[in-house]
Amino acid sequence: MLIAGFPAGPWGTNCYVLATAHGEECVVVDPGKDAAAGVAEVVREYRLKPVSVLVTHGHVDHMWCVAPVAGTYDATAFIHPADRHLLTDPMQGISPESAGMLLGGKYEFTEPDEVRELDDQQRLQLAGLDIVVDHTPGHTAGSVTFRTPYQDSSGAAALRTDVSELMFSGDLLFAGSIGRTDLPGGDHPTMLRSLADKVLTLPDDVVVLPGHGEQTSIGRERASNPYLLQLSKAS
């Protein structure tokens, strides 16, 4: 299995490229600002063909390059319907800090040619990968996570027994923290329900690849993340 990730743009948003092996089709997760060049570098290095762009939520730091990346590779974009409007008008979900970064610029955003909407518990078969969608509102109304079994390079079940799945968590869960809920569309009680229903129910050996910062695991966060510890005590 090939997993390439890199932080992009002024917000340091993690963009991921995922494929079963070198020379195969791939999916791109959250190409934010300045991510297109990094995607192109990964695609060239590993001889990949992007077929899908997956968006965990519609905030500008995660969707800035969705249309350029999808257009370059004739790929389909996937987003939850509650956040789809942000593909063309991401300023509806922007924070004052982000607005400050963009002052003086003229930016136009358009939808990719092909956009498909995501449902909770939907299973996607993309680039040889089996991907489960979990709707996890709270950071935004349309926030989702993507989970896929960890595979070896042949596409078979992983030989490693310490990792069962990969979870692309967007801005739901970080190493030691969770996503903010003070932006338009955010709701803290809803975020806590998403964490209780869609994070704490997962096995400890799920590796979490977040939208910002370092990777972690469900087990590590269950044991040390103050927000999850508080939820566990309340249940």
C-alpha atoms as a PDB file:
ATOM      1  CA  MET A   1       0.000   0.000   0.000  1.00  0.00           C
ATOM      2  CA  LEU A   2       1.278   3.471  -0.871  1.00  0.00           C
ATOM      3  CA  ILE A   3       0.427   6.393   1.412  1.00  0.00           C
ATOM      4  CA  ALA A   4       2.021   9.765   0.726  1.00  0.00           C
ATOM      5  CA  GLY A   5       1.149  12.787   2.844  1.00  0.00           C
ATOM      6  CA  PHE A   6       2.454  16.328   3.021  1.00  0.00           C
ATOM      7  CA  PRO A   7       1.417  19.620   4.682  1.00  0.00           C
ATOM      8  CA  ALA A   8       0.430  22.303   2.185  1.00  0.00           C
ATOM      9  CA  GLY A   9      -0.261  26.017   2.213  1.00  0.00           C
ATOM     10  CA  PRO A  10      -0.284  28.643   4.963  1.00  0.00           C
ATOM     11  CA  TRP A  11      -2.490  26.492   7.204  1.00  0.00           C
ATOM     12  CA  GLY A  12      -0.250  23.423   6.940  1.00  0.00           C
ATOM     13  CA  THR A  13      -3.162  21.241   5.876  1.00  0.00           C
ATOM     14  CA  ASN A  14      -2.264  17.607   5.338  1.00  0.00           C
ATOM     15  CA  CYS A  15      -2.984  16.349   1.823  1.00  0.00           C
ATOM     16  CA  TYR A  16      -2.815  12.603   1.256  1.00  0.00           C
ATOM     17  CA  VAL A  17      -2.380  10.433  -1.832  1.00  0.00           C
ATOM     18  CA  LEU A  18      -3.413   6.807  -1.423  1.00  0.00           C
ATOM     19  CA  ALA A  19      -2.950   3.848  -3.789  1.00  0.00           C
ATOM     20  CA  THR A  20      -2.644   0.082  -3.587  1.00  0.00           C
ATOM     21  CA  ALA A  21       0.851   0.201  -5.137  1.00  0.00           C
ATOM     22  CA  HIS A  22       3.206   2.130  -7.421  1.00  0.00           C
ATOM     23  CA  GLY A  23       1.937   2.579 -10.972  1.00  0.00           C
ATOM     24  CA  GLU A  24      -1.736   2.242 -10.011  1.00  0.00           C
ATOM     25  CA  GLU A  25      -4.783   4.482  -9.737  1.00  0.00           C
ATOM     26  CA  CYS A  26      -4.968   6.615  -6.611  1.00  0.00           C
ATOM     27  CA  VAL A  27      -7.231   8.851  -4.565  1.00  0.00           C
ATOM     28  CA  VAL A  28      -6.327  12.293  -3.263  1.00  0.00           C
ATOM     29  CA  VAL A  29      -7.648  13.437   0.122  1.00  0.00           C
ATOM     30  CA  ASP A  30      -8.047  17.141   0.967  1.00  0.00           C
ATOM     31  CA  PRO A  31      -5.926  19.039  -1.572  1.00  0.00           C
ATOM     32  CA  GLY A  32      -5.850  22.463   0.095  1.00  0.00           C
ATOM     33  CA  LYS A  33      -4.054  25.644  -0.845  1.00  0.00           C
ATOM     34  CA  ASP A  34      -0.778  25.045  -2.714  1.00  0.00           C
ATOM     35  CA  ALA A  35      -1.374  21.273  -2.697  1.00  0.00           C
ATOM     36  CA  ALA A  36      -1.602  20.804  -6.482  1.00  0.00           C
ATOM     37  CA  ALA A  37       2.164  20.895  -6.971  1.00  0.00           C
ATOM     38  CA  GLY A  38       2.710  18.353  -4.205  1.00  0.00           C
ATOM     39  CA  VAL A  39       0.100  16.037  -5.677  1.00  0.00           C
ATOM     40  CA  ALA A  40       1.759  16.304  -9.089  1.00  0.00           C
ATOM     41  CA  GLU A  41       5.142  15.445  -7.575  1.00  0.00           C
ATOM     42  CA  VAL A  42       3.774  12.338  -5.836  1.00  0.00           C
ATOM     43  CA  VAL A  43       1.935  11.274  -8.997  1.00  0.00           C
ATOM     44  CA  ARG A  44       5.096  11.585 -11.087  1.00  0.00           C
ATOM     45  CA  GLU A  45       7.353   9.869  -8.568  1.00  0.00           C
ATOM     46  CA  TYR A  46       5.114   6.845  -8.123  1.00  0.00           C
ATOM     47  CA  ARG A  47       3.556   6.802 -11.634  1.00  0.00           C
ATOM     48  CA  LEU A  48       0.017   7.159 -10.317  1.00  0.00           C
ATOM     49  CA  LYS A  49      -3.295   8.081 -11.903  1.00  0.00           C
ATOM     50  CA  PRO A  50      -5.666  10.080  -9.651  1.00  0.00           C
ATOM     51  CA  VAL A  51      -9.264   8.980 -10.202  1.00  0.00           C
ATOM     52  CA  SER A  52     -10.960  10.576  -7.189  1.00  0.00           C
ATOM     53  CA  VAL A  53     -10.598  13.556  -4.877  1.00  0.00           C
ATOM     54  CA  LEU A  54     -12.085  13.026  -1.415  1.00  0.00           C
ATOM     55  CA  VAL A  55     -12.983  16.059   0.690  1.00  0.00           C
ATOM     56  CA  THR A  56     -13.383  15.616   4.444  1.00  0.00           C
ATOM     57  CA  HIS A  57     -15.148  18.988   4.707  1.00  0.00           C
ATOM     58  CA  GLY A  58     -15.587  22.212   2.789  1.00  0.00           C
ATOM     59  CA  HIS A  59     -13.272  24.607   4.626  1.00  0.00           C
ATOM     60  CA  VAL A  60     -11.024  26.543   2.293  1.00  0.00           C
ATOM     61  CA  ASP A  61      -7.801  25.093   3.702  1.00  0.00           C
ATOM     62  CA  HIS A  62      -8.986  21.608   2.697  1.00  0.00           C
ATOM     63  CA  MET A  63     -10.723  22.267  -0.651  1.00  0.00           C
ATOM     64  CA  TRP A  64      -8.725  25.073  -2.288  1.00  0.00           C
ATOM     65  CA  CYS A  65      -7.199  22.842  -4.974  1.00  0.00           C
ATOM     66  CA  VAL A  66     -10.059  20.350  -5.376  1.00  0.00           C
ATOM     67  CA  ALA A  67     -11.170  21.736  -8.742  1.00  0.00           C
ATOM     68  CA  PRO A  68      -7.619  22.138 -10.156  1.00  0.00           C
ATOM     69  CA  VAL A  69      -6.566  18.636  -9.093  1.00  0.00           C
ATOM     70  CA  ALA A  70      -9.803  17.013 -10.269  1.00  0.00           C
ATOM     71  CA  GLY A  71      -9.615  18.914 -13.562  1.00  0.00           C
ATOM     72  CA  THR A  72      -5.978  18.063 -14.227  1.00  0.00           C
ATOM     73  CA  TYR A  73      -6.534  14.318 -13.879  1.00  0.00           C
ATOM     74  CA  ASP A  74     -10.203  14.088 -14.952  1.00  0.00           C
ATOM     75  CA  ALA A  75     -11.011  12.835 -11.454  1.00  0.00           C
ATOM     76  CA  THR A  76     -14.338  12.788  -9.606  1.00  0.00           C
ATOM     77  CA  ALA A  77     -14.713  14.877  -6.443  1.00  0.00           C
ATOM     78  CA  PHE A  78     -16.627  13.518  -3.438  1.00  0.00           C
ATOM     79  CA  ILE A  79     -18.095  15.732  -0.690  1.00  0.00           C
ATOM     80  CA  HIS A  80     -21.014  15.580   1.737  1.00  0.00           C
ATOM     81  CA  PRO A  81     -24.065  17.516   0.480  1.00  0.00           C
ATOM     82  CA  ALA A  82     -24.164  19.715   3.602  1.00  0.00           C
ATOM     83  CA  ASP A  83     -20.762  21.163   2.647  1.00  0.00           C
ATOM     84  CA  ARG A  84     -21.102  21.124  -1.145  1.00  0.00           C
ATOM     85  CA  HIS A  85     -21.954  24.842  -1.312  1.00  0.00           C
ATOM     86  CA  LEU A  86     -18.492  25.594   0.088  1.00  0.00           C
ATOM     87  CA  LEU A  87     -16.861  24.296  -3.101  1.00  0.00           C
ATOM     88  CA  THR A  88     -18.001  27.439  -4.881  1.00  0.00           C
ATOM     89  CA  ASP A  89     -18.223  29.821  -1.918  1.00  0.00           C
ATOM     90  CA  PRO A  90     -15.767  28.711   0.779  1.00  0.00           C
ATOM     91  CA  MET A  91     -15.842  32.177   2.347  1.00  0.00           C
ATOM     92  CA  GLN A  92     -19.144  31.166   3.979  1.00  0.00           C
ATOM     93  CA  GLY A  93     -17.163  28.926   6.309  1.00  0.00           C
ATOM     94  CA  ILE A  94     -14.081  31.039   6.815  1.00  0.00           C
ATOM     95  CA  SER A  95     -12.635  32.312  10.084  1.00  0.00           C
ATOM     96  CA  PRO A  96     -11.438  35.893  10.697  1.00  0.00           C
ATOM     97  CA  GLU A  97      -7.843  34.607  10.807  1.00  0.00           C
ATOM     98  CA  SER A  98      -8.223  32.910   7.428  1.00  0.00           C
ATOM     99  CA  ALA A  99      -9.867  35.990   5.972  1.00  0.00           C
ATOM    100  CA  GLY A 100      -6.849  37.993   7.105  1.00  0.00           C
ATOM    101  CA  MET A 101      -4.539  35.678   5.175  1.00  0.00           C
ATOM    102  CA  LEU A 102      -6.576  36.229   2.008  1.00  0.00           C
ATOM    103  CA  LEU A 103      -6.978  40.012   2.126  1.00  0.00           C
ATOM    104  CA  GLY A 104      -6.070  41.704  -1.129  1.00  0.00           C
ATOM    105  CA  GLY A 105      -6.422  38.579  -3.249  1.00  0.00           C
ATOM    106  CA  LYS A 106      -8.982  37.876  -5.937  1.00  0.00           C
ATOM    107  CA  TYR A 107     -10.053  34.255  -5.842  1.00  0.00           C
ATOM    108  CA  GLU A 108     -12.625  32.393  -7.867  1.00  0.00           C
ATOM    109  CA  PHE A 109     -13.810  28.925  -6.889  1.00  0.00           C
ATOM    110  CA  THR A 110     -15.773  26.531  -9.084  1.00  0.00           C
ATOM    111  CA  GLU A 111     -17.028  22.992  -8.729  1.00  0.00           C
ATOM    112  CA  PRO A 112     -15.117  20.258 -10.537  1.00  0.00           C
ATOM    113  CA  ASP A 113     -16.807  18.865 -13.640  1.00  0.00           C
ATOM    114  CA  GLU A 114     -17.993  15.801 -11.753  1.00  0.00           C
ATOM    115  CA  VAL A 115     -19.051  15.938  -8.106  1.00  0.00           C
ATOM    116  CA  ARG A 116     -20.685  13.097  -6.179  1.00  0.00           C
ATOM    117  CA  GLU A 117     -22.313  13.480  -2.798  1.00  0.00           C
ATOM    118  CA  LEU A 118     -21.487  11.272   0.164  1.00  0.00           C
ATOM    119  CA  ASP A 119     -23.785   9.467   2.609  1.00  0.00           C
ATOM    120  CA  ASP A 120     -23.139   8.155   6.097  1.00  0.00           C
ATOM    121  CA  GLN A 121     -21.835   4.570   6.046  1.00  0.00           C
ATOM    122  CA  GLN A 122     -21.468   4.665   2.269  1.00  0.00           C
ATOM    123  CA  ARG A 123     -18.893   2.244   0.835  1.00  0.00           C
ATOM    124  CA  LEU A 124     -16.786   3.527  -2.044  1.00  0.00           C
ATOM    125  CA  GLN A 125     -14.803   1.278  -4.367  1.00  0.00           C
ATOM    126  CA  LEU A 126     -12.090   3.574  -5.719  1.00  0.00           C
ATOM    127  CA  ALA A 127      -8.623   2.828  -7.125  1.00  0.00           C
ATOM    128  CA  GLY A 128      -8.799  -0.726  -5.797  1.00  0.00           C
ATOM    129  CA  LEU A 129      -9.582   0.527  -2.292  1.00  0.00           C
ATOM    130  CA  ASP A 130     -12.614  -0.194  -0.124  1.00  0.00           C
ATOM    131  CA  ILE A 131     -13.443   3.093   1.617  1.00  0.00           C
ATOM    132  CA  VAL A 132     -16.112   3.624   4.278  1.00  0.00           C
ATOM    133  CA  VAL A 133     -17.583   7.089   4.770  1.00  0.00           C
ATOM    134  CA  ASP A 134     -18.620   8.223   8.253  1.00  0.00           C
ATOM    135  CA  HIS A 135     -20.627  11.433   8.545  1.00  0.00           C
ATOM    136  CA  THR A 136     -19.107  13.258  11.530  1.00  0.00           C
ATOM    137  CA  PRO A 137     -20.708  16.721  11.817  1.00  0.00           C
ATOM    138  CA  GLY A 138     -19.576  19.217  14.403  1.00  0.00           C
ATOM    139  CA  HIS A 139     -16.618  20.987  12.833  1.00  0.00           C
ATOM    140  CA  THR A 140     -18.885  21.618   9.839  1.00  0.00           C
ATOM    141  CA  ALA A 141     -22.334  20.250   9.064  1.00  0.00           C
ATOM    142  CA  GLY A 142     -20.928  18.096   6.272  1.00  0.00           C
ATOM    143  CA  SER A 143     -17.713  16.836   7.863  1.00  0.00           C
ATOM    144  CA  VAL A 144     -16.886  13.206   7.106  1.00  0.00           C
ATOM    145  CA  THR A 145     -14.073  10.769   7.756  1.00  0.00           C
ATOM    146  CA  PHE A 146     -12.802   8.062   5.424  1.00  0.00           C
ATOM    147  CA  ARG A 147     -11.689   4.608   6.615  1.00  0.00           C
ATOM    148  CA  THR A 148      -9.993   1.913   4.569  1.00  0.00           C
ATOM    149  CA  PRO A 149      -8.391  -1.416   5.531  1.00  0.00           C
ATOM    150  CA  TYR A 150      -4.620  -1.351   5.713  1.00  0.00           C
ATOM    151  CA  GLN A 151      -3.285  -3.526   2.872  1.00  0.00           C
ATOM    152  CA  ASP A 152       0.092  -4.877   1.878  1.00  0.00           C
ATOM    153  CA  SER A 153       1.559  -3.945  -1.520  1.00  0.00           C
ATOM    154  CA  SER A 154      -0.267  -6.781  -3.267  1.00  0.00           C
ATOM    155  CA  GLY A 155      -3.644  -5.490  -2.138  1.00  0.00           C
ATOM    156  CA  ALA A 156      -4.175  -8.379   0.259  1.00  0.00           C
ATOM    157  CA  ALA A 157      -4.999  -7.974   3.922  1.00  0.00           C
ATOM    158  CA  ALA A 158      -2.089  -6.465   5.793  1.00  0.00           C
ATOM    159  CA  LEU A 159       0.554  -8.779   7.191  1.00  0.00           C
ATOM    160  CA  ARG A 160       1.006  -6.357  10.087  1.00  0.00           C
ATOM    161  CA  THR A 161      -1.317  -7.173  12.925  1.00  0.00           C
ATOM    162  CA  ASP A 162      -0.920  -3.848  14.716  1.00  0.00           C
ATOM    163  CA  VAL A 163      -2.874  -1.816  12.129  1.00  0.00           C
ATOM    164  CA  SER A 164      -6.341  -2.792  10.943  1.00  0.00           C
ATOM    165  CA  GLU A 165      -7.520   0.391   9.231  1.00  0.00           C
ATOM    166  CA  LEU A 166      -6.480   3.863   8.196  1.00  0.00           C
ATOM    167  CA  MET A 167      -8.767   6.730   9.114  1.00  0.00           C
ATOM    168  CA  PHE A 168      -8.530  10.098   7.356  1.00  0.00           C
ATOM    169  CA  SER A 169     -10.072  12.219  10.077  1.00  0.00           C
ATOM    170  CA  GLY A 170     -10.027  15.705   8.545  1.00  0.00           C
ATOM    171  CA  ASP A 171     -10.605  18.206  11.343  1.00  0.00           C
ATOM    172  CA  LEU A 172     -12.600  15.859  13.562  1.00  0.00           C
ATOM    173  CA  LEU A 173      -9.697  14.391  15.512  1.00  0.00           C
ATOM    174  CA  PHE A 174      -6.064  15.402  15.924  1.00  0.00           C
ATOM    175  CA  ALA A 175      -3.194  14.054  17.989  1.00  0.00           C
ATOM    176  CA  GLY A 176      -4.135  15.312  21.447  1.00  0.00           C
ATOM    177  CA  SER A 177      -7.023  17.487  20.364  1.00  0.00           C
ATOM    178  CA  ILE A 178     -10.210  17.820  18.295  1.00  0.00           C
ATOM    179  CA  GLY A 179     -11.497  20.236  15.677  1.00  0.00           C
ATOM    180  CA  ARG A 180     -12.742  23.689  16.567  1.00  0.00           C
ATOM    181  CA  THR A 181     -16.486  24.367  16.541  1.00  0.00           C
ATOM    182  CA  ASP A 182     -16.612  28.167  16.630  1.00  0.00           C
ATOM    183  CA  LEU A 183     -16.730  28.644  12.840  1.00  0.00           C
ATOM    184  CA  PRO A 184     -19.891  28.965  10.724  1.00  0.00           C
ATOM    185  CA  GLY A 185     -21.639  25.582  10.707  1.00  0.00           C
ATOM    186  CA  GLY A 186     -19.776  24.352  13.774  1.00  0.00           C
ATOM    187  CA  ASP A 187     -21.541  22.923  16.808  1.00  0.00           C
ATOM    188  CA  HIS A 188     -19.766  21.589  19.886  1.00  0.00           C
ATOM    189  CA  PRO A 189     -22.443  19.183  21.201  1.00  0.00           C
ATOM    190  CA  THR A 190     -22.717  17.716  17.709  1.00  0.00           C
ATOM    191  CA  MET A 191     -18.933  17.332  17.582  1.00  0.00           C
ATOM    192  CA  LEU A 192     -18.976  15.426  20.867  1.00  0.00           C
ATOM    193  CA  ARG A 193     -21.682  13.091  19.539  1.00  0.00           C
ATOM    194  CA  SER A 194     -19.616  12.412  16.432  1.00  0.00           C
ATOM    195  CA  LEU A 195     -16.585  11.602  18.559  1.00  0.00           C
ATOM    196  CA  ALA A 196     -18.610   9.311  20.815  1.00  0.00           C
ATOM    197  CA  ASP A 197     -20.391   7.517  17.974  1.00  0.00           C
ATOM    198  CA  LYS A 198     -17.730   7.392  15.255  1.00  0.00           C
ATOM    199  CA  VAL A 199     -14.371   7.513  17.081  1.00  0.00           C
ATOM    200  CA  LEU A 200     -14.710   5.856  20.478  1.00  0.00           C
ATOM    201  CA  THR A 201     -16.427   2.867  18.852  1.00  0.00           C
ATOM    202  CA  LEU A 202     -13.376   2.070  16.707  1.00  0.00           C
ATOM    203  CA  PRO A 203     -10.615  -0.419  17.618  1.00  0.00           C
ATOM    204  CA  ASP A 204      -7.403   0.898  19.154  1.00  0.00           C
ATOM    205  CA  ASP A 205      -5.306  -0.279  16.192  1.00  0.00           C
ATOM    206  CA  VAL A 206      -6.860   2.158  13.710  1.00  0.00           C
ATOM    207  CA  VAL A 207      -4.206   4.634  12.511  1.00  0.00           C
ATOM    208  CA  VAL A 208      -5.514   8.206  12.333  1.00  0.00           C
ATOM    209  CA  LEU A 209      -4.235  10.493   9.560  1.00  0.00           C
ATOM    210  CA  PRO A 210      -5.551  13.933  10.534  1.00  0.00           C
ATOM    211  CA  GLY A 211      -6.056  17.129   8.581  1.00  0.00           C
ATOM    212  CA  HIS A 212      -3.311  18.878  10.561  1.00  0.00           C
ATOM    213  CA  GLY A 213      -0.337  17.656  12.548  1.00  0.00           C
ATOM    214  CA  GLU A 214       1.140  14.241  13.124  1.00  0.00           C
ATOM    215  CA  GLN A 215      -0.498  10.876  12.722  1.00  0.00           C
ATOM    216  CA  THR A 216      -1.838   9.078  15.749  1.00  0.00           C
ATOM    217  CA  SER A 217      -4.048   6.099  16.597  1.00  0.00           C
ATOM    218  CA  ILE A 218      -7.430   5.517  18.174  1.00  0.00           C
ATOM    219  CA  GLY A 219      -5.751   3.715  21.077  1.00  0.00           C
ATOM    220  CA  ARG A 220      -3.366   6.576  21.753  1.00  0.00           C
ATOM    221  CA  GLU A 221      -6.154   9.151  21.638  1.00  0.00           C
ATOM    222  CA  ARG A 222      -8.499   7.046  23.764  1.00  0.00           C
ATOM    223  CA  ALA A 223      -5.787   6.883  26.436  1.00  0.00           C
ATOM    224  CA  SER A 224      -4.492  10.463  26.338  1.00  0.00           C
ATOM    225  CA  ASN A 225      -6.737  12.874  24.413  1.00  0.00           C
ATOM    226  CA  PRO A 226      -8.434  15.031  27.078  1.00  0.00           C
ATOM    227  CA  TYR A 227     -11.623  15.394  25.047  1.00  0.00           C
ATOM    228  CA  LEU A 228     -12.001  11.654  24.546  1.00  0.00           C
ATOM    229  CA  LEU A 229     -11.127  10.964  28.167  1.00  0.00           C
ATOM    230  CA  GLN A 230     -13.884  13.313  29.249  1.00  0.00           C
ATOM    231  CA  LEU A 231     -16.356  11.623  26.921  1.00  0.00           C
ATOM    232  CA  SER A 232     -15.360   8.197  28.207  1.00  0.00           C
ATOM    233  CA  LYS A 233     -15.899   9.261  31.806  1.00  0.00           C
ATOM    234  CA  ALA A 234     -19.307  10.716  30.955  1.00  0.00           C
ATOM    235  CA  SER A 235     -20.539   7.554  29.263  1.00  0.00           C
END
